[in-house]
Amino acid sequence: MLREILHRLSANLVGRLTGPLTVRIFLQPGVAVFLGVKAGLKDAREGRAPFVLALFFDAAHRRELLTDGWKDIAKVVIAAALVDVVYQIMVLRWFYLGEALVTAFMLAVMPYCLVRGLVNQFGRRWIHATPAKKELL
């Protein structure tokens, strides 16, 4: 039973790369990346730890981080899930909630978290390096 579900899930996920609504494969991660860059720069300016690392290792601020991240990405995740529901009904003639959630996670949450952390790291280095350059002038 589980093997069949995983096989259907993987086949259906690969099938989403073609067919109707393919533009969402690029549009939704693009929006998530934009939001991740914006949040990562804010984190860098405030001297915060990278987002995903802080989620795992900073239990005192975990709720705050989750709330902040969800505020940024909620609309993109919901849109990704809803568009996937439309895709499933159009192509599969059925709706699988798990697949919609996995697709939304892959198209919105993963790019957001990855980019937010990377931009934070590079942004911190750039922000801290900038004043040193100004002093030389």
C-alpha atoms as a PDB file:
ATOM      1  CA  MET A   1       0.000   0.000   0.000  1.00  0.00           C
ATOM      2  CA  LEU A   2       2.705   2.510   0.980  1.00  0.00           C
ATOM      3  CA  ARG A   3       4.800   1.515  -2.029  1.00  0.00           C
ATOM      4  CA  GLU A   4       1.861   2.210  -4.336  1.00  0.00           C
ATOM      5  CA  ILE A   5       1.258   5.617  -2.755  1.00  0.00           C
ATOM      6  CA  LEU A   6       4.928   6.588  -3.090  1.00  0.00           C
ATOM      7  CA  HIS A   7       5.012   5.367  -6.698  1.00  0.00           C
ATOM      8  CA  ARG A   8       1.877   7.376  -7.573  1.00  0.00           C
ATOM      9  CA  LEU A   9       3.262  10.420  -5.751  1.00  0.00           C
ATOM     10  CA  SER A  10       6.581  10.341  -7.584  1.00  0.00           C
ATOM     11  CA  ALA A  11       4.946   9.716 -10.970  1.00  0.00           C
ATOM     12  CA  ASN A  12       2.442  12.515 -10.438  1.00  0.00           C
ATOM     13  CA  LEU A  13       5.117  14.949  -9.248  1.00  0.00           C
ATOM     14  CA  VAL A  14       7.210  14.306 -12.348  1.00  0.00           C
ATOM     15  CA  GLY A  15       4.075  14.717 -14.464  1.00  0.00           C
ATOM     16  CA  ARG A  16       3.620  18.247 -13.138  1.00  0.00           C
ATOM     17  CA  LEU A  17       6.689  19.390 -15.090  1.00  0.00           C
ATOM     18  CA  THR A  18       4.660  19.327 -18.304  1.00  0.00           C
ATOM     19  CA  GLY A  19       1.082  19.979 -19.248  1.00  0.00           C
ATOM     20  CA  PRO A  20      -1.260  22.717 -18.098  1.00  0.00           C
ATOM     21  CA  LEU A  21      -0.191  25.283 -15.521  1.00  0.00           C
ATOM     22  CA  THR A  22       3.519  24.567 -16.060  1.00  0.00           C
ATOM     23  CA  VAL A  23       4.332  28.254 -15.563  1.00  0.00           C
ATOM     24  CA  ARG A  24       3.722  27.794 -11.835  1.00  0.00           C
ATOM     25  CA  ILE A  25       6.809  25.570 -11.658  1.00  0.00           C
ATOM     26  CA  PHE A  26       8.831  28.762 -12.254  1.00  0.00           C
ATOM     27  CA  LEU A  27       6.539  31.484 -10.934  1.00  0.00           C
ATOM     28  CA  GLN A  28       5.907  30.161  -7.418  1.00  0.00           C
ATOM     29  CA  PRO A  29       9.550  29.426  -6.556  1.00  0.00           C
ATOM     30  CA  GLY A  30      10.434  32.806  -8.066  1.00  0.00           C
ATOM     31  CA  VAL A  31       8.061  34.587  -5.705  1.00  0.00           C
ATOM     32  CA  ALA A  32       9.361  32.486  -2.788  1.00  0.00           C
ATOM     33  CA  VAL A  33      12.950  33.393  -3.716  1.00  0.00           C
ATOM     34  CA  PHE A  34      12.063  37.094  -3.849  1.00  0.00           C
ATOM     35  CA  LEU A  35      10.464  36.883  -0.401  1.00  0.00           C
ATOM     36  CA  GLY A  36      13.436  34.882   0.893  1.00  0.00           C
ATOM     37  CA  VAL A  37      15.894  37.513  -0.330  1.00  0.00           C
ATOM     38  CA  LYS A  38      13.878  40.260   1.317  1.00  0.00           C
ATOM     39  CA  ALA A  39      13.663  38.388   4.644  1.00  0.00           C
ATOM     40  CA  GLY A  40      17.314  37.275   4.472  1.00  0.00           C
ATOM     41  CA  LEU A  41      18.526  40.852   4.053  1.00  0.00           C
ATOM     42  CA  LYS A  42      16.381  41.916   6.994  1.00  0.00           C
ATOM     43  CA  ASP A  43      17.848  39.063   9.062  1.00  0.00           C
ATOM     44  CA  ALA A  44      21.380  40.103   8.068  1.00  0.00           C
ATOM     45  CA  ARG A  45      20.781  43.741   9.037  1.00  0.00           C
ATOM     46  CA  GLU A  46      19.396  42.643  12.415  1.00  0.00           C
ATOM     47  CA  GLY A  47      22.249  40.176  12.995  1.00  0.00           C
ATOM     48  CA  ARG A  48      19.980  37.148  13.218  1.00  0.00           C
ATOM     49  CA  ALA A  49      21.156  33.575  12.755  1.00  0.00           C
ATOM     50  CA  PRO A  50      20.292  31.812   9.478  1.00  0.00           C
ATOM     51  CA  PHE A  51      16.586  30.970   9.404  1.00  0.00           C
ATOM     52  CA  VAL A  52      16.609  27.158   9.226  1.00  0.00           C
ATOM     53  CA  LEU A  53      19.477  26.805  11.715  1.00  0.00           C
ATOM     54  CA  ALA A  54      17.680  29.080  14.151  1.00  0.00           C
ATOM     55  CA  LEU A  55      14.502  27.019  13.749  1.00  0.00           C
ATOM     56  CA  PHE A  56      16.336  23.889  14.794  1.00  0.00           C
ATOM     57  CA  PHE A  57      18.689  25.250  17.443  1.00  0.00           C
ATOM     58  CA  ASP A  58      17.057  28.332  18.958  1.00  0.00           C
ATOM     59  CA  ALA A  59      14.111  26.919  20.895  1.00  0.00           C
ATOM     60  CA  ALA A  60      13.501  30.209  22.702  1.00  0.00           C
ATOM     61  CA  HIS A  61      12.723  32.031  19.437  1.00  0.00           C
ATOM     62  CA  ARG A  62      11.303  29.147  17.395  1.00  0.00           C
ATOM     63  CA  ARG A  63       7.673  30.282  17.649  1.00  0.00           C
ATOM     64  CA  GLU A  64       8.622  33.830  16.652  1.00  0.00           C
ATOM     65  CA  LEU A  65      10.648  32.554  13.688  1.00  0.00           C
ATOM     66  CA  LEU A  66       7.833  30.294  12.495  1.00  0.00           C
ATOM     67  CA  THR A  67       5.312  33.126  12.778  1.00  0.00           C
ATOM     68  CA  ASP A  68       7.601  35.518  10.920  1.00  0.00           C
ATOM     69  CA  GLY A  69       8.344  32.992   8.172  1.00  0.00           C
ATOM     70  CA  TRP A  70       4.696  32.030   7.807  1.00  0.00           C
ATOM     71  CA  LYS A  71       3.692  35.701   7.461  1.00  0.00           C
ATOM     72  CA  ASP A  72       6.118  36.035   4.561  1.00  0.00           C
ATOM     73  CA  ILE A  73       5.331  32.844   2.710  1.00  0.00           C
ATOM     74  CA  ALA A  74       1.709  31.994   3.613  1.00  0.00           C
ATOM     75  CA  LYS A  75       0.128  33.442   0.484  1.00  0.00           C
ATOM     76  CA  VAL A  76       2.629  31.704  -1.791  1.00  0.00           C
ATOM     77  CA  VAL A  77       2.122  28.335  -0.052  1.00  0.00           C
ATOM     78  CA  ILE A  78      -1.654  28.647  -0.187  1.00  0.00           C
ATOM     79  CA  ALA A  79      -1.518  29.699  -3.840  1.00  0.00           C
ATOM     80  CA  ALA A  80       0.802  26.783  -4.659  1.00  0.00           C
ATOM     81  CA  ALA A  81      -1.548  24.326  -2.973  1.00  0.00           C
ATOM     82  CA  LEU A  82      -4.657  25.760  -4.644  1.00  0.00           C
ATOM     83  CA  VAL A  83      -3.093  25.839  -8.092  1.00  0.00           C
ATOM     84  CA  ASP A  84      -1.989  22.235  -7.571  1.00  0.00           C
ATOM     85  CA  VAL A  85      -5.558  21.281  -6.666  1.00  0.00           C
ATOM     86  CA  VAL A  86      -6.730  22.838  -9.940  1.00  0.00           C
ATOM     87  CA  TYR A  87      -3.970  20.986 -11.798  1.00  0.00           C
ATOM     88  CA  GLN A  88      -4.928  17.670 -10.193  1.00  0.00           C
ATOM     89  CA  ILE A  89      -8.595  18.079 -11.042  1.00  0.00           C
ATOM     90  CA  MET A  90      -7.752  19.057 -14.643  1.00  0.00           C
ATOM     91  CA  VAL A  91      -5.203  16.321 -15.293  1.00  0.00           C
ATOM     92  CA  LEU A  92      -5.769  13.532 -12.778  1.00  0.00           C
ATOM     93  CA  ARG A  93      -9.534  14.019 -12.460  1.00  0.00           C
ATOM     94  CA  TRP A  94      -9.037  13.541  -8.721  1.00  0.00           C
ATOM     95  CA  PHE A  95      -7.606  15.399  -5.772  1.00  0.00           C
ATOM     96  CA  TYR A  96      -4.826  14.134  -3.485  1.00  0.00           C
ATOM     97  CA  LEU A  97      -4.288  16.396  -0.469  1.00  0.00           C
ATOM     98  CA  GLY A  98      -0.850  14.944   0.313  1.00  0.00           C
ATOM     99  CA  GLU A  99       0.406  15.649  -3.188  1.00  0.00           C
ATOM    100  CA  ALA A 100      -0.862  19.229  -3.038  1.00  0.00           C
ATOM    101  CA  LEU A 101       0.965  19.770   0.254  1.00  0.00           C
ATOM    102  CA  VAL A 102       4.185  18.178  -1.001  1.00  0.00           C
ATOM    103  CA  THR A 103       4.049  20.290  -4.163  1.00  0.00           C
ATOM    104  CA  ALA A 104       3.402  23.474  -2.180  1.00  0.00           C
ATOM    105  CA  PHE A 105       6.316  22.629   0.116  1.00  0.00           C
ATOM    106  CA  MET A 106       8.651  22.004  -2.811  1.00  0.00           C
ATOM    107  CA  LEU A 107       7.599  25.082  -4.800  1.00  0.00           C
ATOM    108  CA  ALA A 108       7.382  27.592  -1.965  1.00  0.00           C
ATOM    109  CA  VAL A 109       8.767  26.570   1.427  1.00  0.00           C
ATOM    110  CA  MET A 110      12.024  24.957   0.317  1.00  0.00           C
ATOM    111  CA  PRO A 111      13.174  27.824  -1.941  1.00  0.00           C
ATOM    112  CA  TYR A 112      12.160  30.423   0.664  1.00  0.00           C
ATOM    113  CA  CYS A 113      14.062  28.760   3.515  1.00  0.00           C
ATOM    114  CA  LEU A 114      17.141  28.042   1.417  1.00  0.00           C
ATOM    115  CA  VAL A 115      17.391  31.530  -0.059  1.00  0.00           C
ATOM    116  CA  ARG A 116      16.592  33.297   3.219  1.00  0.00           C
ATOM    117  CA  GLY A 117      19.483  31.535   4.944  1.00  0.00           C
ATOM    118  CA  LEU A 118      21.965  32.028   2.099  1.00  0.00           C
ATOM    119  CA  VAL A 119      21.134  35.709   1.674  1.00  0.00           C
ATOM    120  CA  ASN A 120      21.473  36.171   5.415  1.00  0.00           C
ATOM    121  CA  GLN A 121      24.962  34.646   5.374  1.00  0.00           C
ATOM    122  CA  PHE A 122      26.185  36.633   2.377  1.00  0.00           C
ATOM    123  CA  GLY A 123      24.374  39.766   3.528  1.00  0.00           C
ATOM    124  CA  ARG A 124      26.063  39.689   6.924  1.00  0.00           C
ATOM    125  CA  ARG A 125      29.485  39.446   5.316  1.00  0.00           C
ATOM    126  CA  TRP A 126      28.673  42.263   2.927  1.00  0.00           C
ATOM    127  CA  ILE A 127      27.133  44.494   5.609  1.00  0.00           C
ATOM    128  CA  HIS A 128      30.074  43.987   7.968  1.00  0.00           C
ATOM    129  CA  ALA A 129      32.612  44.470   5.167  1.00  0.00           C
ATOM    130  CA  THR A 130      31.056  47.707   3.884  1.00  0.00           C
ATOM    131  CA  PRO A 131      31.992  50.019   6.817  1.00  0.00           C
ATOM    132  CA  ALA A 132      35.614  48.848   6.665  1.00  0.00           C
ATOM    133  CA  LYS A 133      35.848  49.893   3.034  1.00  0.00           C
ATOM    134  CA  LYS A 134      34.403  53.324   3.810  1.00  0.00           C
ATOM    135  CA  GLU A 135      37.002  53.944   6.512  1.00  0.00           C
ATOM    136  CA  LEU A 136      39.804  53.408   3.987  1.00  0.00           C
ATOM    137  CA  LEU A 137      38.470  56.198   1.807  1.00  0.00           C
END
